[in-house]
Structures are given as structure tokens and as C-alpha cells.
PDB file of N, CA and C in Angstrom:
ATOM      1  N   MET A   1     -39.418   6.477 -36.615  1.00  0.00           N
ATOM      2  CA  MET A   1     -38.582   5.597 -35.836  1.00  0.00           C
ATOM      3  C   MET A   1     -38.947   5.714 -34.355  1.00  0.00           C
ATOM      4  N   MET A   2     -39.091   4.582 -33.681  1.00  0.00           N
ATOM      5  CA  MET A   2     -39.514   4.566 -32.285  1.00  0.00           C
ATOM      6  C   MET A   2     -38.312   4.667 -31.342  1.00  0.00           C
ATOM      7  N   LYS A   3     -38.465   5.499 -30.294  1.00  0.00           N
ATOM      8  CA  LYS A   3     -37.424   5.620 -29.282  1.00  0.00           C
ATOM      9  C   LYS A   3     -37.492   4.405 -28.363  1.00  0.00           C
ATOM     10  N   THR A   4     -36.371   3.789 -28.076  1.00  0.00           N
ATOM     11  CA  THR A   4     -36.367   2.622 -27.195  1.00  0.00           C
ATOM     12  C   THR A   4     -36.027   2.981 -25.761  1.00  0.00           C
ATOM     13  N   THR A   5     -35.335   4.073 -25.537  1.00  0.00           N
ATOM     14  CA  THR A   5     -35.006   4.472 -24.171  1.00  0.00           C
ATOM     15  C   THR A   5     -35.822   5.697 -23.777  1.00  0.00           C
ATOM     16  N   PRO A   6     -36.369   5.691 -22.569  1.00  0.00           N
ATOM     17  CA  PRO A   6     -37.146   6.853 -22.121  1.00  0.00           C
ATOM     18  C   PRO A   6     -36.228   8.038 -21.800  1.00  0.00           C
ATOM     19  N   GLU A   7     -36.820   9.215 -21.779  1.00  0.00           N
ATOM     20  CA  GLU A   7     -36.061  10.436 -21.490  1.00  0.00           C
ATOM     21  C   GLU A   7     -35.718  10.487 -20.004  1.00  0.00           C
ATOM     22  N   TYR A   8     -34.445  10.651 -19.687  1.00  0.00           N
ATOM     23  CA  TYR A   8     -33.944  10.743 -18.316  1.00  0.00           C
ATOM     24  C   TYR A   8     -33.713  12.213 -18.015  1.00  0.00           C
ATOM     25  N   ARG A   9     -34.525  12.787 -17.122  1.00  0.00           N
ATOM     26  CA  ARG A   9     -34.499  14.232 -16.916  1.00  0.00           C
ATOM     27  C   ARG A   9     -34.744  14.575 -15.443  1.00  0.00           C
ATOM     28  N   PRO A  10     -34.450  15.806 -15.028  1.00  0.00           N
ATOM     29  CA  PRO A  10     -34.764  16.216 -13.654  1.00  0.00           C
ATOM     30  C   PRO A  10     -36.280  16.223 -13.435  1.00  0.00           C
ATOM     31  N   VAL A  11     -36.715  15.668 -12.302  1.00  0.00           N
ATOM     32  CA  VAL A  11     -38.136  15.592 -11.951  1.00  0.00           C
ATOM     33  C   VAL A  11     -38.281  15.948 -10.475  1.00  0.00           C
ATOM     34  N   ALA A  12     -39.363  16.645 -10.130  1.00  0.00           N
ATOM     35  CA  ALA A  12     -39.667  16.976  -8.737  1.00  0.00           C
ATOM     36  C   ALA A  12     -40.706  15.989  -8.222  1.00  0.00           C
ATOM     37  N   PHE A  13     -40.389  15.343  -7.104  1.00  0.00           N
ATOM     38  CA  PHE A  13     -41.325  14.442  -6.428  1.00  0.00           C
ATOM     39  C   PHE A  13     -41.814  15.157  -5.176  1.00  0.00           C
ATOM     40  N   ARG A  14     -43.141  15.257  -5.009  1.00  0.00           N
ATOM     41  CA  ARG A  14     -43.719  15.949  -3.855  1.00  0.00           C
ATOM     42  C   ARG A  14     -44.437  14.943  -2.966  1.00  0.00           C
ATOM     43  N   ASP A  15     -44.102  14.951  -1.671  1.00  0.00           N
ATOM     44  CA  ASP A  15     -44.790  14.119  -0.686  1.00  0.00           C
ATOM     45  C   ASP A  15     -46.105  14.811  -0.350  1.00  0.00           C
ATOM     46  N   THR A  16     -47.229  14.185  -0.681  1.00  0.00           N
ATOM     47  CA  THR A  16     -48.529  14.827  -0.460  1.00  0.00           C
ATOM     48  C   THR A  16     -48.892  14.903   1.016  1.00  0.00           C
ATOM     49  N   THR A  17     -48.255  14.080   1.861  1.00  0.00           N
ATOM     50  CA  THR A  17     -48.541  14.116   3.289  1.00  0.00           C
ATOM     51  C   THR A  17     -47.890  15.325   3.956  1.00  0.00           C
ATOM     52  N   THR A  18     -46.621  15.565   3.646  1.00  0.00           N
ATOM     53  CA  THR A  18     -45.883  16.642   4.305  1.00  0.00           C
ATOM     54  C   THR A  18     -45.682  17.868   3.422  1.00  0.00           C
ATOM     55  N   GLY A  19     -45.794  17.702   2.110  1.00  0.00           N
ATOM     56  CA  GLY A  19     -45.583  18.809   1.191  1.00  0.00           C
ATOM     57  C   GLY A  19     -44.122  19.012   0.810  1.00  0.00           C
ATOM     58  N   ASP A  20     -43.218  18.165   1.303  1.00  0.00           N
ATOM     59  CA  ASP A  20     -41.797  18.278   0.980  1.00  0.00           C
ATOM     60  C   ASP A  20     -41.543  17.931  -0.475  1.00  0.00           C
ATOM     61  N   LEU A  21     -40.509  18.534  -1.035  1.00  0.00           N
ATOM     62  CA  LEU A  21     -40.174  18.366  -2.445  1.00  0.00           C
ATOM     63  C   LEU A  21     -38.792  17.732  -2.568  1.00  0.00           C
ATOM     64  N   ILE A  22     -38.688  16.705  -3.416  1.00  0.00           N
ATOM     65  CA  ILE A  22     -37.418  16.027  -3.700  1.00  0.00           C
ATOM     66  C   ILE A  22     -37.168  16.188  -5.189  1.00  0.00           C
ATOM     67  N   VAL A  23     -36.025  16.761  -5.552  1.00  0.00           N
ATOM     68  CA  VAL A  23     -35.674  16.928  -6.959  1.00  0.00           C
ATOM     69  C   VAL A  23     -34.562  15.942  -7.282  1.00  0.00           C
ATOM     70  N   THR A  24     -34.816  15.099  -8.263  1.00  0.00           N
ATOM     71  CA  THR A  24     -33.839  14.106  -8.709  1.00  0.00           C
ATOM     72  C   THR A  24     -34.069  13.834 -10.182  1.00  0.00           C
ATOM     73  N   ARG A  25     -33.275  12.963 -10.759  1.00  0.00           N
ATOM     74  CA  ARG A  25     -33.457  12.616 -12.166  1.00  0.00           C
ATOM     75  C   ARG A  25     -34.258  11.332 -12.253  1.00  0.00           C
ATOM     76  N   SER A  26     -35.152  11.254 -13.238  1.00  0.00           N
ATOM     77  CA  SER A  26     -36.017  10.094 -13.377  1.00  0.00           C
ATOM     78  C   SER A  26     -36.552   9.996 -14.798  1.00  0.00           C
ATOM     79  N   THR A  27     -37.145   8.849 -15.099  1.00  0.00           N
ATOM     80  CA  THR A  27     -37.797   8.644 -16.395  1.00  0.00           C
ATOM     81  C   THR A  27     -39.315   8.608 -16.251  1.00  0.00           C
ATOM     82  N   VAL A  28     -39.826   8.930 -15.070  1.00  0.00           N
ATOM     83  CA  VAL A  28     -41.264   8.880 -14.818  1.00  0.00           C
ATOM     84  C   VAL A  28     -41.998   9.851 -15.749  1.00  0.00           C
ATOM     85  N   ARG A  29     -43.178   9.436 -16.190  1.00  0.00           N
ATOM     86  CA  ARG A  29     -43.996  10.290 -17.066  1.00  0.00           C
ATOM     87  C   ARG A  29     -45.099  10.949 -16.254  1.00  0.00           C
ATOM     88  N   THR A  30     -45.270  12.243 -16.448  1.00  0.00           N
ATOM     89  CA  THR A  30     -46.297  12.989 -15.739  1.00  0.00           C
ATOM     90  C   THR A  30     -46.700  14.208 -16.563  1.00  0.00           C
ATOM     91  N   THR A  31     -47.923  14.687 -16.321  1.00  0.00           N
ATOM     92  CA  THR A  31     -48.410  15.868 -17.036  1.00  0.00           C
ATOM     93  C   THR A  31     -48.334  17.129 -16.177  1.00  0.00           C
ATOM     94  N   LYS A  32     -48.149  16.969 -14.865  1.00  0.00           N
ATOM     95  CA  LYS A  32     -48.069  18.118 -13.964  1.00  0.00           C
ATOM     96  C   LYS A  32     -46.673  18.729 -13.999  1.00  0.00           C
ATOM     97  N   THR A  33     -46.601  20.037 -13.747  1.00  0.00           N
ATOM     98  CA  THR A  33     -45.320  20.740 -13.649  1.00  0.00           C
ATOM     99  C   THR A  33     -45.324  21.644 -12.430  1.00  0.00           C
ATOM    100  N   ILE A  34     -44.135  22.033 -12.009  1.00  0.00           N
ATOM    101  CA  ILE A  34     -43.981  22.932 -10.866  1.00  0.00           C
ATOM    102  C   ILE A  34     -42.773  23.830 -11.127  1.00  0.00           C
ATOM    103  N   GLU A  35     -42.847  25.059 -10.631  1.00  0.00           N
ATOM    104  CA  GLU A  35     -41.739  26.006 -10.732  1.00  0.00           C
ATOM    105  C   GLU A  35     -40.894  25.853  -9.471  1.00  0.00           C
ATOM    106  N   HIS A  36     -39.618  25.498  -9.628  1.00  0.00           N
ATOM    107  CA  HIS A  36     -38.724  25.298  -8.480  1.00  0.00           C
ATOM    108  C   HIS A  36     -37.387  25.958  -8.780  1.00  0.00           C
ATOM    109  N   GLN A  37     -37.019  26.952  -7.998  1.00  0.00           N
ATOM    110  CA  GLN A  37     -35.772  27.710  -8.134  1.00  0.00           C
ATOM    111  C   GLN A  37     -35.595  28.256  -9.550  1.00  0.00           C
ATOM    112  N   GLY A  38     -36.673  28.775 -10.114  1.00  0.00           N
ATOM    113  CA  GLY A  38     -36.629  29.399 -11.420  1.00  0.00           C
ATOM    114  C   GLY A  38     -36.660  28.443 -12.603  1.00  0.00           C
ATOM    115  N   VAL A  39     -36.848  27.151 -12.340  1.00  0.00           N
ATOM    116  CA  VAL A  39     -36.871  26.138 -13.396  1.00  0.00           C
ATOM    117  C   VAL A  39     -38.201  25.411 -13.337  1.00  0.00           C
ATOM    118  N   THR A  40     -38.829  25.195 -14.479  1.00  0.00           N
ATOM    119  CA  THR A  40     -40.066  24.424 -14.542  1.00  0.00           C
ATOM    120  C   THR A  40     -39.708  22.947 -14.664  1.00  0.00           C
ATOM    121  N   LEU A  41     -40.177  22.157 -13.695  1.00  0.00           N
ATOM    122  CA  LEU A  41     -39.870  20.728 -13.653  1.00  0.00           C
ATOM    123  C   LEU A  41     -41.154  19.910 -13.725  1.00  0.00           C
ATOM    124  N   PRO A  42     -41.097  18.696 -14.288  1.00  0.00           N
ATOM    125  CA  PRO A  42     -42.237  17.786 -14.200  1.00  0.00           C
ATOM    126  C   PRO A  42     -42.466  17.429 -12.732  1.00  0.00           C
ATOM    127  N   LEU A  43     -43.716  17.293 -12.330  1.00  0.00           N
ATOM    128  CA  LEU A  43     -44.058  17.022 -10.929  1.00  0.00           C
ATOM    129  C   LEU A  43     -44.753  15.678 -10.807  1.00  0.00           C
ATOM    130  N   TYR A  44     -44.300  14.871  -9.852  1.00  0.00           N
ATOM    131  CA  TYR A  44     -44.925  13.583  -9.562  1.00  0.00           C
ATOM    132  C   TYR A  44     -45.258  13.567  -8.078  1.00  0.00           C
ATOM    133  N   ASP A  45     -46.539  13.352  -7.730  1.00  0.00           N
ATOM    134  CA  ASP A  45     -46.975  13.330  -6.336  1.00  0.00           C
ATOM    135  C   ASP A  45     -46.832  11.927  -5.753  1.00  0.00           C
ATOM    136  N   LEU A  46     -46.243  11.864  -4.536  1.00  0.00           N
ATOM    137  CA  LEU A  46     -46.054  10.607  -3.819  1.00  0.00           C
ATOM    138  C   LEU A  46     -46.953  10.577  -2.593  1.00  0.00           C
ATOM    139  N   ASP A  47     -47.507   9.420  -2.275  1.00  0.00           N
ATOM    140  CA  ASP A  47     -48.287   9.273  -1.047  1.00  0.00           C
ATOM    141  C   ASP A  47     -47.363   9.172   0.166  1.00  0.00           C
ATOM    142  N   VAL A  48     -46.262   8.445   0.014  1.00  0.00           N
ATOM    143  CA  VAL A  48     -45.323   8.232   1.117  1.00  0.00           C
ATOM    144  C   VAL A  48     -43.906   8.402   0.589  1.00  0.00           C
ATOM    145  N   SER A  49     -43.080   9.105   1.348  1.00  0.00           N
ATOM    146  CA  SER A  49     -41.663   9.233   1.021  1.00  0.00           C
ATOM    147  C   SER A  49     -40.868   9.110   2.324  1.00  0.00           C
ATOM    148  N   SER A  50     -39.578   9.321   2.254  1.00  0.00           N
ATOM    149  CA  SER A  50     -38.759   9.243   3.462  1.00  0.00           C
ATOM    150  C   SER A  50     -39.106  10.344   4.462  1.00  0.00           C
ATOM    151  N   TYR A  51     -39.779  11.408   4.004  1.00  0.00           N
ATOM    152  CA  TYR A  51     -40.193  12.480   4.911  1.00  0.00           C
ATOM    153  C   TYR A  51     -41.405  12.099   5.763  1.00  0.00           C
ATOM    154  N   SER A  52     -42.220  11.156   5.290  1.00  0.00           N
ATOM    155  CA  SER A  52     -43.443  10.832   6.031  1.00  0.00           C
ATOM    156  C   SER A  52     -43.552   9.371   6.455  1.00  0.00           C
ATOM    157  N   HIS A  53     -42.665   8.491   6.001  1.00  0.00           N
ATOM    158  CA  HIS A  53     -42.755   7.076   6.350  1.00  0.00           C
ATOM    159  C   HIS A  53     -42.318   6.875   7.799  1.00  0.00           C
ATOM    160  N   PRO A  54     -43.095   6.126   8.603  1.00  0.00           N
ATOM    161  CA  PRO A  54     -42.776   5.950  10.026  1.00  0.00           C
ATOM    162  C   PRO A  54     -41.392   5.360  10.286  1.00  0.00           C
ATOM    163  N   ALA A  55     -40.908   4.503   9.418  1.00  0.00           N
ATOM    164  CA  ALA A  55     -39.591   3.908   9.635  1.00  0.00           C
ATOM    165  C   ALA A  55     -38.483   4.951   9.529  1.00  0.00           C
ATOM    166  N   TYR A  56     -38.678   5.983   8.726  1.00  0.00           N
ATOM    167  CA  TYR A  56     -37.668   7.029   8.560  1.00  0.00           C
ATOM    168  C   TYR A  56     -37.852   8.181   9.536  1.00  0.00           C
ATOM    169  N   THR A  57     -39.073   8.416   9.989  1.00  0.00           N
ATOM    170  CA  THR A  57     -39.321   9.544  10.887  1.00  0.00           C
ATOM    171  C   THR A  57     -39.097   9.188  12.348  1.00  0.00           C
ATOM    172  N   GLY A  58     -38.990   7.899  12.675  1.00  0.00           N
ATOM    173  CA  GLY A  58     -38.776   7.472  14.051  1.00  0.00           C
ATOM    174  C   GLY A  58     -40.057   7.136  14.773  1.00  0.00           C
ATOM    175  N   ALA A  59     -41.209   7.374  14.189  1.00  0.00           N
ATOM    176  CA  ALA A  59     -42.481   7.072  14.842  1.00  0.00           C
ATOM    177  C   ALA A  59     -42.636   5.573  15.053  1.00  0.00           C
ATOM    178  N   ASP A  60     -42.077   4.780  14.160  1.00  0.00           N
ATOM    179  CA  ASP A  60     -42.161   3.325  14.269  1.00  0.00           C
ATOM    180  C   ASP A  60     -41.413   2.821  15.492  1.00  0.00           C
ATOM    181  N   SER A  61     -40.232   3.374  15.776  1.00  0.00           N
ATOM    182  CA  SER A  61     -39.445   2.919  16.923  1.00  0.00           C
ATOM    183  C   SER A  61     -40.120   3.292  18.237  1.00  0.00           C
ATOM    184  N   ILE A  62     -40.807   4.420  18.268  1.00  0.00           N
ATOM    185  CA  ILE A  62     -41.525   4.822  19.480  1.00  0.00           C
ATOM    186  C   ILE A  62     -42.649   3.839  19.769  1.00  0.00           C
ATOM    187  N   ARG A  63     -43.375   3.434  18.728  1.00  0.00           N
ATOM    188  CA  ARG A  63     -44.447   2.452  18.904  1.00  0.00           C
ATOM    189  C   ARG A  63     -43.899   1.111  19.361  1.00  0.00           C
ATOM    190  N   ARG A  64     -42.745   0.698  18.803  1.00  0.00           N
ATOM    191  CA  ARG A  64     -42.154  -0.581  19.163  1.00  0.00           C
ATOM    192  C   ARG A  64     -41.730  -0.593  20.627  1.00  0.00           C
ATOM    193  N   VAL A  65     -41.112   0.484  21.091  1.00  0.00           N
ATOM    194  CA  VAL A  65     -40.658   0.549  22.476  1.00  0.00           C
ATOM    195  C   VAL A  65     -41.845   0.552  23.413  1.00  0.00           C
ATOM    196  N   SER A  66     -42.887   1.314  23.104  1.00  0.00           N
ATOM    197  CA  SER A  66     -44.050   1.353  23.985  1.00  0.00           C
ATOM    198  C   SER A  66     -44.752   0.002  24.030  1.00  0.00           C
ATOM    199  N   SER A  67     -44.781  -0.732  22.920  1.00  0.00           N
ATOM    200  CA  SER A  67     -45.420  -2.047  22.936  1.00  0.00           C
ATOM    201  C   SER A  67     -44.575  -3.041  23.731  1.00  0.00           C
ATOM    202  N   GLN A  68     -43.260  -2.885  23.730  1.00  0.00           N
ATOM    203  CA  GLN A  68     -42.406  -3.761  24.529  1.00  0.00           C
ATOM    204  C   GLN A  68     -42.604  -3.495  26.018  1.00  0.00           C
ATOM    205  N   ILE A  69     -42.785  -2.241  26.379  1.00  0.00           N
ATOM    206  CA  ILE A  69     -43.036  -1.892  27.779  1.00  0.00           C
ATOM    207  C   ILE A  69     -44.377  -2.459  28.229  1.00  0.00           C
ATOM    208  N   ASP A  70     -45.400  -2.330  27.388  1.00  0.00           N
ATOM    209  CA  ASP A  70     -46.708  -2.892  27.732  1.00  0.00           C
ATOM    210  C   ASP A  70     -46.627  -4.409  27.875  1.00  0.00           C
ATOM    211  N   LYS A  71     -45.890  -5.060  27.014  1.00  0.00           N
ATOM    212  CA  LYS A  71     -45.725  -6.516  27.077  1.00  0.00           C
ATOM    213  C   LYS A  71     -45.046  -6.908  28.397  1.00  0.00           C
ATOM    214  N   TYR A  72     -44.037  -6.168  28.817  1.00  0.00           N
ATOM    215  CA  TYR A  72     -43.345  -6.429  30.071  1.00  0.00           C
ATOM    216  C   TYR A  72     -44.293  -6.260  31.255  1.00  0.00           C
ATOM    217  N   LYS A  73     -45.078  -5.187  31.238  1.00  0.00           N
ATOM    218  CA  LYS A  73     -46.006  -4.940  32.343  1.00  0.00           C
ATOM    219  C   LYS A  73     -47.068  -6.033  32.419  1.00  0.00           C
ATOM    220  N   ARG A  74     -47.581  -6.482  31.289  1.00  0.00           N
ATOM    221  CA  ARG A  74     -48.578  -7.565  31.286  1.00  0.00           C
ATOM    222  C   ARG A  74     -47.974  -8.862  31.818  1.00  0.00           C
ATOM    223  N   ARG A  75     -46.750  -9.127  31.445  1.00  0.00           N
ATOM    224  CA  ARG A  75     -46.112 -10.385  31.830  1.00  0.00           C
ATOM    225  C   ARG A  75     -45.832 -10.439  33.330  1.00  0.00           C
ATOM    226  N   TYR A  76     -45.369  -9.343  33.907  1.00  0.00           N
ATOM    227  CA  TYR A  76     -44.912  -9.373  35.293  1.00  0.00           C
ATOM    228  C   TYR A  76     -45.825  -8.649  36.275  1.00  0.00           C
ATOM    229  N   SER A  77     -46.943  -8.134  35.842  1.00  0.00           N
ATOM    230  CA  SER A  77     -47.811  -7.403  36.773  1.00  0.00           C
ATOM    231  C   SER A  77     -48.602  -8.337  37.680  1.00  0.00           C
ATOM    232  N   GLY A  78     -48.910  -9.537  37.245  1.00  0.00           N
ATOM    233  CA  GLY A  78     -49.727 -10.460  38.043  1.00  0.00           C
ATOM    234  C   GLY A  78     -48.911 -11.363  38.959  1.00  0.00           C
ATOM    235  N   LYS A  79     -47.612 -11.313  38.885  1.00  0.00           N
ATOM    236  CA  LYS A  79     -46.751 -12.188  39.694  1.00  0.00           C
ATOM    237  C   LYS A  79     -46.613 -11.610  41.096  1.00  0.00           C
ATOM    238  N   LYS A  80     -46.654 -12.533  42.094  1.00  0.00           N
ATOM    239  CA  LYS A  80     -46.468 -12.112  43.483  1.00  0.00           C
ATOM    240  C   LYS A  80     -45.005 -12.305  43.862  1.00  0.00           C
ATOM    241  N   LYS A  81     -44.540 -11.472  44.786  1.00  0.00           N
ATOM    242  CA  LYS A  81     -43.169 -11.586  45.273  1.00  0.00           C
ATOM    243  C   LYS A  81     -43.091 -12.743  46.248  1.00  0.00           C
ATOM    244  N   ARG A  82     -41.971 -13.448  46.255  1.00  0.00           N
ATOM    245  CA  ARG A  82     -41.806 -14.579  47.182  1.00  0.00           C
ATOM    246  C   ARG A  82     -41.083 -14.186  48.424  1.00  0.00           C
TER     247      ARG A  82
END
């Protein structure tokens, strides 16, 4: 008999950029495992997570502000005072 629902179990997701570990429940399939707090969990490697994504780390807002400042300087640097 075929199972129709996948197994919902605790899984560790690791951000490969920062090395941070997120433990949550998931149905993702993986062959890797990791020992975390005395428990062996399935491991799934992520390229980007909330630990490394620029929108969550604030790096995106810094770039946006600096580009707005550059835009202002370009717009008003060539104008002469009256």
C-alpha cells in the first residue's frame, strides 16, 4: 500500500553562507544528517536564509540609502546658486 502523505518530522536547515542552523518541522527529503543537542536530525543545506539575505540583514537598506544620496548629489551638484 502506498503512503499518500509525506512524513512530517523535525529537520535542521543550515545556511551555507553563515553556517547558522534552523530547526523546524518539514516534509523535505534529504540523505544528510546532523547531531544537534543530542538528537540526530535530517539536514538540508540552504544557499540563502533570513540569516544571510540582504533584505533581512539590513544590507539592502544601506545600499538603497547610499544610492539615494548619490542620486541627490548628481541632481544638484551642477546647479549654480542664483
